[in-house]
Each structure stands twice: as structure tokens, then as C-alpha cells.
């Protein structure tokens, strides 16, 4: 009888731990997803800035010329 009680208790605790772990993993994956999305958006904005700004492109060309020589 005691063995059955202990088995049920450890099962309940295990289930609780498992649920907490799943919640934790879910939270972390959500944060990672948000972070990656944000980085992606920033990269797109920077690309658009480069396309739109001719002056910036000119500076990049000068840097490339200096670096290659």
C-alpha cells in the first residue's frame, strides 16, 4: 500500500516537473522567436537604408577601394 502511495506521489511530482519544464521550454522558444524576428526586422531596415541612401553607398565604395589597395 505504501509503495502504491509513493508511486502515485512521485508520478504526480514528475508530471508537475514535466509540465514546468515544457512551460519553461515554450517560454524560451517564444523569446528566441521574438529575438530572431526583431533581428530580421533590423536587418531589413538596414538594407533598405542602404538602398535608399546614395551617400551611404558612396562611402561603402570608398571603404572598399581603400581596403583592396
N, C-alpha and C. Protein backbone atom coordinates (compact mmCIF):
# COMPACT_ATOMS: atom_id res chain seq x y z
N UNK A 1 0.83 -1.20 0.00
CA UNK A 1 0.00 0.00 0.00
C UNK A 1 0.87 1.26 0.00
N UNK A 2 1.90 1.25 0.85
CA UNK A 2 2.80 2.41 0.94
C UNK A 2 3.51 2.61 -0.41
N UNK A 3 3.89 1.50 -1.01
CA UNK A 3 4.58 1.55 -2.31
C UNK A 3 3.72 2.22 -3.37
N UNK A 4 2.42 1.86 -3.38
CA UNK A 4 1.48 2.44 -4.35
C UNK A 4 1.36 3.95 -4.12
N UNK A 5 1.23 4.36 -2.84
CA UNK A 5 1.13 5.77 -2.48
C UNK A 5 2.35 6.55 -2.97
N UNK A 6 3.54 5.95 -2.72
CA UNK A 6 4.78 6.62 -3.12
C UNK A 6 4.86 6.71 -4.64
N UNK A 7 4.42 5.67 -5.32
CA UNK A 7 4.45 5.66 -6.78
C UNK A 7 3.55 6.77 -7.33
N UNK A 8 2.35 6.89 -6.76
CA UNK A 8 1.40 7.93 -7.19
C UNK A 8 1.98 9.32 -6.92
N UNK A 9 2.57 9.50 -5.73
CA UNK A 9 3.16 10.80 -5.36
C UNK A 9 4.29 11.16 -6.31
N UNK A 10 5.19 10.21 -6.56
CA UNK A 10 6.33 10.52 -7.44
C UNK A 10 5.85 10.77 -8.87
N UNK A 11 4.78 10.07 -9.27
CA UNK A 11 4.21 10.29 -10.61
C UNK A 11 3.66 11.71 -10.71
N UNK A 12 2.95 12.14 -9.66
CA UNK A 12 2.37 13.49 -9.65
C UNK A 12 3.49 14.55 -9.69
N UNK A 13 4.54 14.32 -8.87
CA UNK A 13 5.66 15.27 -8.84
C UNK A 13 6.36 15.31 -10.19
N UNK A 14 6.54 14.14 -10.77
CA UNK A 14 7.19 14.03 -12.08
C UNK A 14 6.38 14.76 -13.13
N UNK A 15 5.07 14.59 -13.08
CA UNK A 15 4.19 15.25 -14.04
C UNK A 15 4.29 16.77 -13.88
N UNK A 16 4.33 17.22 -12.62
CA UNK A 16 4.45 18.65 -12.32
C UNK A 16 5.76 19.19 -12.89
N UNK A 17 6.85 18.48 -12.64
CA UNK A 17 8.16 18.89 -13.15
C UNK A 17 8.15 18.93 -14.67
N UNK A 18 7.55 17.92 -15.27
CA UNK A 18 7.49 17.83 -16.73
C UNK A 18 6.72 19.03 -17.30
N UNK A 19 5.58 19.34 -16.69
CA UNK A 19 4.76 20.46 -17.15
C UNK A 19 5.54 21.76 -17.00
N UNK A 20 6.23 21.94 -15.87
CA UNK A 20 7.03 23.15 -15.66
C UNK A 20 8.14 23.26 -16.70
N UNK A 21 8.76 22.11 -17.00
CA UNK A 21 9.83 22.08 -17.98
C UNK A 21 9.29 22.47 -19.36
N UNK A 22 8.14 21.95 -19.72
CA UNK A 22 7.53 22.26 -21.02
C UNK A 22 7.19 23.75 -21.09
N UNK A 23 6.63 24.29 -20.00
CA UNK A 23 6.31 25.72 -19.97
C UNK A 23 7.58 26.54 -20.14
N UNK A 24 8.64 26.13 -19.45
CA UNK A 24 9.92 26.82 -19.49
C UNK A 24 10.49 26.79 -20.90
N UNK A 25 10.48 25.62 -21.53
CA UNK A 25 10.98 25.48 -22.90
C UNK A 25 10.15 26.32 -23.86
N UNK A 26 8.84 26.32 -23.65
CA UNK A 26 7.94 27.08 -24.50
C UNK A 26 8.26 28.58 -24.39
N UNK A 27 8.49 29.04 -23.17
CA UNK A 27 8.81 30.45 -22.93
C UNK A 27 10.12 30.81 -23.61
N UNK A 28 11.13 29.96 -23.45
CA UNK A 28 12.43 30.22 -24.06
C UNK A 28 12.31 30.25 -25.58
N UNK A 29 11.58 29.29 -26.15
CA UNK A 29 11.45 29.26 -27.60
C UNK A 29 10.70 30.50 -28.10
N UNK A 30 9.73 30.97 -27.30
CA UNK A 30 8.99 32.17 -27.67
C UNK A 30 9.93 33.38 -27.67
N UNK A 31 10.78 33.48 -26.63
CA UNK A 31 11.74 34.59 -26.56
C UNK A 31 12.71 34.54 -27.73
N UNK A 32 13.20 33.34 -28.04
CA UNK A 32 14.14 33.18 -29.15
C UNK A 32 13.48 33.61 -30.45
N UNK A 33 12.24 33.18 -30.65
CA UNK A 33 11.49 33.53 -31.86
C UNK A 33 11.34 35.05 -31.97
N UNK A 34 11.00 35.69 -30.86
CA UNK A 34 10.84 37.15 -30.85
C UNK A 34 12.16 37.84 -31.18
N UNK A 35 13.24 37.32 -30.59
CA UNK A 35 14.57 37.90 -30.80
C UNK A 35 14.97 37.79 -32.26
N UNK A 36 14.78 36.60 -32.84
CA UNK A 36 15.14 36.36 -34.24
C UNK A 36 14.31 37.26 -35.15
N UNK A 37 13.02 37.39 -34.86
CA UNK A 37 12.14 38.25 -35.66
C UNK A 37 12.62 39.69 -35.60
N UNK A 38 12.98 40.14 -34.40
CA UNK A 38 13.46 41.51 -34.22
C UNK A 38 14.75 41.73 -35.01
N UNK A 39 15.69 40.79 -34.93
CA UNK A 39 16.96 40.91 -35.65
C UNK A 39 16.72 40.96 -37.16
N UNK A 40 15.78 40.13 -37.62
CA UNK A 40 15.40 40.08 -39.02
C UNK A 40 14.87 41.44 -39.47
N UNK A 41 14.00 42.02 -38.66
CA UNK A 41 13.41 43.33 -38.98
C UNK A 41 14.48 44.39 -39.05
N UNK A 42 15.42 44.36 -38.09
CA UNK A 42 16.51 45.35 -38.06
C UNK A 42 17.36 45.20 -39.32
N UNK A 43 17.65 43.97 -39.70
CA UNK A 43 18.47 43.71 -40.89
C UNK A 43 17.77 44.27 -42.13
N UNK A 44 16.46 44.06 -42.22
CA UNK A 44 15.70 44.57 -43.37
C UNK A 44 15.74 46.09 -43.40
N UNK A 45 15.58 46.71 -42.24
CA UNK A 45 15.62 48.17 -42.16
C UNK A 45 16.97 48.70 -42.62
N UNK A 46 18.04 48.05 -42.17
CA UNK A 46 19.38 48.48 -42.54
C UNK A 46 19.59 48.34 -44.05
N UNK A 47 19.09 47.23 -44.62
CA UNK A 47 19.21 47.02 -46.07
C UNK A 47 18.49 48.12 -46.82
N UNK A 48 17.28 48.44 -46.37
CA UNK A 48 16.50 49.49 -47.02
C UNK A 48 17.19 50.84 -46.91
N UNK A 49 17.80 51.11 -45.76
CA UNK A 49 18.54 52.37 -45.57
C UNK A 49 19.66 52.46 -46.59
N UNK A 50 20.38 51.36 -46.78
CA UNK A 50 21.50 51.34 -47.72
C UNK A 50 21.02 51.59 -49.14
N UNK A 51 19.89 50.95 -49.49
CA UNK A 51 19.34 51.11 -50.85
C UNK A 51 18.91 52.56 -51.08
N UNK A 52 18.26 53.14 -50.07
CA UNK A 52 17.70 54.48 -50.22
C UNK A 52 18.75 55.57 -50.15
N UNK A 53 19.85 55.32 -49.44
CA UNK A 53 20.81 56.41 -49.23
C UNK A 53 22.00 56.23 -50.18
N UNK A 54 22.08 57.10 -51.15
CA UNK A 54 23.12 57.05 -52.16
C UNK A 54 24.47 57.41 -51.54
N UNK A 55 24.43 58.39 -50.64
CA UNK A 55 25.65 58.86 -49.97
C UNK A 55 26.32 57.72 -49.20
N UNK A 56 25.48 56.93 -48.53
CA UNK A 56 25.99 55.80 -47.74
C UNK A 56 26.69 54.81 -48.67
N UNK A 57 26.10 54.57 -49.82
CA UNK A 57 26.68 53.65 -50.81
C UNK A 57 28.02 54.15 -51.28
N UNK A 58 28.13 55.46 -51.45
CA UNK A 58 29.37 56.08 -51.89
C UNK A 58 30.48 55.84 -50.85
N UNK A 59 30.13 56.00 -49.60
CA UNK A 59 31.10 55.76 -48.52
C UNK A 59 31.56 54.31 -48.53
N UNK A 60 30.63 53.37 -48.74
CA UNK A 60 30.99 51.94 -48.79
C UNK A 60 31.98 51.69 -49.92
N UNK A 61 31.74 52.32 -51.09
CA UNK A 61 32.63 52.14 -52.23
C UNK A 61 34.03 52.66 -51.91
N UNK A 62 34.10 53.80 -51.23
CA UNK A 62 35.40 54.36 -50.85
C UNK A 62 36.13 53.41 -49.90
N UNK A 63 35.39 52.87 -48.91
CA UNK A 63 36.00 51.92 -47.96
C UNK A 63 36.55 50.71 -48.70
N UNK A 64 35.77 50.19 -49.67
CA UNK A 64 36.20 49.02 -50.43
C UNK A 64 37.46 49.32 -51.23
N UNK A 65 37.52 50.50 -51.83
CA UNK A 65 38.70 50.88 -52.61
C UNK A 65 39.93 50.94 -51.71
N UNK A 66 39.77 51.57 -50.54
CA UNK A 66 40.88 51.71 -49.60
C UNK A 66 41.33 50.34 -49.09
N UNK A 67 40.36 49.47 -48.78
CA UNK A 67 40.68 48.15 -48.22
C UNK A 67 41.36 47.26 -49.25
N UNK A 68 40.99 47.38 -50.54
CA UNK A 68 41.54 46.47 -51.55
C UNK A 68 42.96 46.86 -51.95
N UNK A 69 43.33 48.13 -51.74
CA UNK A 69 44.69 48.57 -52.13
C UNK A 69 45.71 48.28 -51.06
